[in-house]
Amino acid sequence: MKYTREQIKKSILISRSQGGSPGWLAPVYIKNIKAIVAIEPGGPAAENSIEYKELLSQKISIAFYFGDYIEDGDPKILSTSIWKERLENVKIL
């Protein structure tokens, strides 16, 4: 694995859902991440956290992807408000 990583030089990390948190932490320990693709993450790296500062210092590109209809979801469904909040939080980043 180490040999493969050395040959590739830079990699793109893909995280999804609750796996988003380890995705934000990875650049603290791994210095060869070029970009992060976060699919419906549990939320972004907290502002001013070690993870947040590392993303900025390494200039790592980030792409967030969310499912359809979050903004138009039925407010009676509990998860609608949760996903709306997560969407707003990633817009800040």
C-alpha atoms as a PDB file:
ATOM      1  CA  MET A   1       0.000   0.000   0.000  1.00  0.00           C
ATOM      2  CA  LYS A   2       2.786   2.435   0.894  1.00  0.00           C
ATOM      3  CA  TYR A   3       4.533   1.764  -2.436  1.00  0.00           C
ATOM      4  CA  THR A   4       1.297   2.368  -4.353  1.00  0.00           C
ATOM      5  CA  ARG A   5       0.675   5.625  -2.468  1.00  0.00           C
ATOM      6  CA  GLU A   6       4.219   6.810  -3.242  1.00  0.00           C
ATOM      7  CA  GLN A   7       3.695   6.091  -6.941  1.00  0.00           C
ATOM      8  CA  ILE A   8       0.369   7.897  -7.138  1.00  0.00           C
ATOM      9  CA  LYS A   9       1.660  11.052  -5.370  1.00  0.00           C
ATOM     10  CA  LYS A  10      -1.754  12.701  -4.875  1.00  0.00           C
ATOM     11  CA  SER A  11      -5.092  11.042  -4.277  1.00  0.00           C
ATOM     12  CA  ILE A  12      -8.784  11.932  -4.155  1.00  0.00           C
ATOM     13  CA  LEU A  13     -10.556  10.867  -0.987  1.00  0.00           C
ATOM     14  CA  ILE A  14     -14.224   9.918  -1.277  1.00  0.00           C
ATOM     15  CA  SER A  15     -16.394   9.904   1.837  1.00  0.00           C
ATOM     16  CA  ARG A  16     -20.088   9.310   2.352  1.00  0.00           C
ATOM     17  CA  SER A  17     -22.597   9.961   5.112  1.00  0.00           C
ATOM     18  CA  GLN A  18     -21.147   9.407   8.595  1.00  0.00           C
ATOM     19  CA  GLY A  19     -17.841   8.529   6.927  1.00  0.00           C
ATOM     20  CA  GLY A  20     -17.510  12.259   6.334  1.00  0.00           C
ATOM     21  CA  SER A  21     -15.945  12.859   9.752  1.00  0.00           C
ATOM     22  CA  PRO A  22     -12.939  10.577   9.159  1.00  0.00           C
ATOM     23  CA  GLY A  23     -12.644  12.175   5.727  1.00  0.00           C
ATOM     24  CA  TRP A  24     -12.099  15.607   7.285  1.00  0.00           C
ATOM     25  CA  LEU A  25      -9.555  14.173   9.708  1.00  0.00           C
ATOM     26  CA  ALA A  26      -7.511  12.311   7.062  1.00  0.00           C
ATOM     27  CA  PRO A  27      -5.492  15.357   5.838  1.00  0.00           C
ATOM     28  CA  VAL A  28      -4.160  15.853   9.378  1.00  0.00           C
ATOM     29  CA  TYR A  29      -2.323  12.525   9.007  1.00  0.00           C
ATOM     30  CA  ILE A  30      -1.998  12.054   5.229  1.00  0.00           C
ATOM     31  CA  LYS A  31      -0.306  14.800   3.251  1.00  0.00           C
ATOM     32  CA  ASN A  32      -0.990  13.565  -0.290  1.00  0.00           C
ATOM     33  CA  ILE A  33      -4.721  14.298  -0.630  1.00  0.00           C
ATOM     34  CA  LYS A  34      -5.516  16.506  -3.591  1.00  0.00           C
ATOM     35  CA  ALA A  35      -9.292  16.660  -3.201  1.00  0.00           C
ATOM     36  CA  ILE A  36     -12.186  15.351  -1.129  1.00  0.00           C
ATOM     37  CA  VAL A  37     -15.508  14.302  -2.607  1.00  0.00           C
ATOM     38  CA  ALA A  38     -18.082  14.250   0.196  1.00  0.00           C
ATOM     39  CA  ILE A  39     -21.342  12.509  -0.689  1.00  0.00           C
ATOM     40  CA  GLU A  40     -24.150  13.445   1.688  1.00  0.00           C
ATOM     41  CA  PRO A  41     -21.688  14.017   4.544  1.00  0.00           C
ATOM     42  CA  GLY A  42     -22.793  14.149   8.156  1.00  0.00           C
ATOM     43  CA  GLY A  43     -21.529  17.740   8.063  1.00  0.00           C
ATOM     44  CA  PRO A  44     -18.426  19.734   7.161  1.00  0.00           C
ATOM     45  CA  ALA A  45     -15.256  20.119   9.199  1.00  0.00           C
ATOM     46  CA  ALA A  46     -15.988  22.489  12.066  1.00  0.00           C
ATOM     47  CA  GLU A  47     -14.732  26.002  11.484  1.00  0.00           C
ATOM     48  CA  ASN A  48     -11.363  26.647  13.204  1.00  0.00           C
ATOM     49  CA  SER A  49     -10.916  22.940  14.030  1.00  0.00           C
ATOM     50  CA  ILE A  50      -7.609  21.180  13.299  1.00  0.00           C
ATOM     51  CA  GLU A  51      -9.301  19.486  10.347  1.00  0.00           C
ATOM     52  CA  TYR A  52     -10.589  22.784   8.954  1.00  0.00           C
ATOM     53  CA  LYS A  53      -7.197  24.486   9.290  1.00  0.00           C
ATOM     54  CA  GLU A  54      -5.454  21.544   7.612  1.00  0.00           C
ATOM     55  CA  LEU A  55      -7.859  21.592   4.653  1.00  0.00           C
ATOM     56  CA  LEU A  56      -7.096  25.282   4.166  1.00  0.00           C
ATOM     57  CA  SER A  57      -3.337  25.030   4.643  1.00  0.00           C
ATOM     58  CA  GLN A  58      -3.053  22.169   2.127  1.00  0.00           C
ATOM     59  CA  LYS A  59      -5.471  23.920  -0.267  1.00  0.00           C
ATOM     60  CA  ILE A  60      -7.515  20.742  -0.679  1.00  0.00           C
ATOM     61  CA  SER A  61     -10.404  21.059  -3.123  1.00  0.00           C
ATOM     62  CA  ILE A  62     -13.765  19.866  -1.806  1.00  0.00           C
ATOM     63  CA  ALA A  63     -16.914  18.848  -3.668  1.00  0.00           C
ATOM     64  CA  PHE A  64     -20.142  18.221  -1.751  1.00  0.00           C
ATOM     65  CA  TYR A  65     -22.978  16.165  -3.240  1.00  0.00           C
ATOM     66  CA  PHE A  66     -26.463  15.930  -1.759  1.00  0.00           C
ATOM     67  CA  GLY A  67     -29.589  14.128  -2.909  1.00  0.00           C
ATOM     68  CA  ASP A  68     -32.532  15.794  -4.581  1.00  0.00           C
ATOM     69  CA  TYR A  69     -35.361  17.655  -2.916  1.00  0.00           C
ATOM     70  CA  ILE A  70     -33.595  18.628   0.316  1.00  0.00           C
ATOM     71  CA  GLU A  71     -34.728  22.224   0.093  1.00  0.00           C
ATOM     72  CA  ASP A  72     -38.265  21.220  -0.955  1.00  0.00           C
ATOM     73  CA  GLY A  73     -38.625  18.265   1.425  1.00  0.00           C
ATOM     74  CA  ASP A  74     -41.754  17.645   3.465  1.00  0.00           C
ATOM     75  CA  PRO A  75     -41.264  19.455   6.815  1.00  0.00           C
ATOM     76  CA  LYS A  76     -43.301  16.724   8.536  1.00  0.00           C
ATOM     77  CA  ILE A  77     -40.430  14.290   7.905  1.00  0.00           C
ATOM     78  CA  LEU A  78     -37.807  14.658  10.655  1.00  0.00           C
ATOM     79  CA  SER A  79     -34.842  14.046   8.371  1.00  0.00           C
ATOM     80  CA  THR A  80     -35.829  16.957   6.106  1.00  0.00           C
ATOM     81  CA  SER A  81     -34.798  19.537   8.694  1.00  0.00           C
ATOM     82  CA  ILE A  82     -31.603  17.624   9.523  1.00  0.00           C
ATOM     83  CA  TRP A  83     -30.519  17.507   5.870  1.00  0.00           C
ATOM     84  CA  LYS A  84     -31.418  21.168   5.357  1.00  0.00           C
ATOM     85  CA  GLU A  85     -29.171  22.085   8.285  1.00  0.00           C
ATOM     86  CA  ARG A  86     -26.304  19.985   6.903  1.00  0.00           C
ATOM     87  CA  LEU A  87     -26.681  21.598   3.494  1.00  0.00           C
ATOM     88  CA  GLU A  88     -26.538  25.082   5.011  1.00  0.00           C
ATOM     89  CA  ASN A  89     -23.447  24.149   7.044  1.00  0.00           C
ATOM     90  CA  VAL A  90     -21.474  23.045   3.990  1.00  0.00           C
ATOM     91  CA  LYS A  91     -22.356  26.278   2.193  1.00  0.00           C
ATOM     92  CA  ILE A  92     -20.410  28.114   4.915  1.00  0.00           C
ATOM     93  CA  LEU A  93     -17.269  26.094   4.209  1.00  0.00           C
END
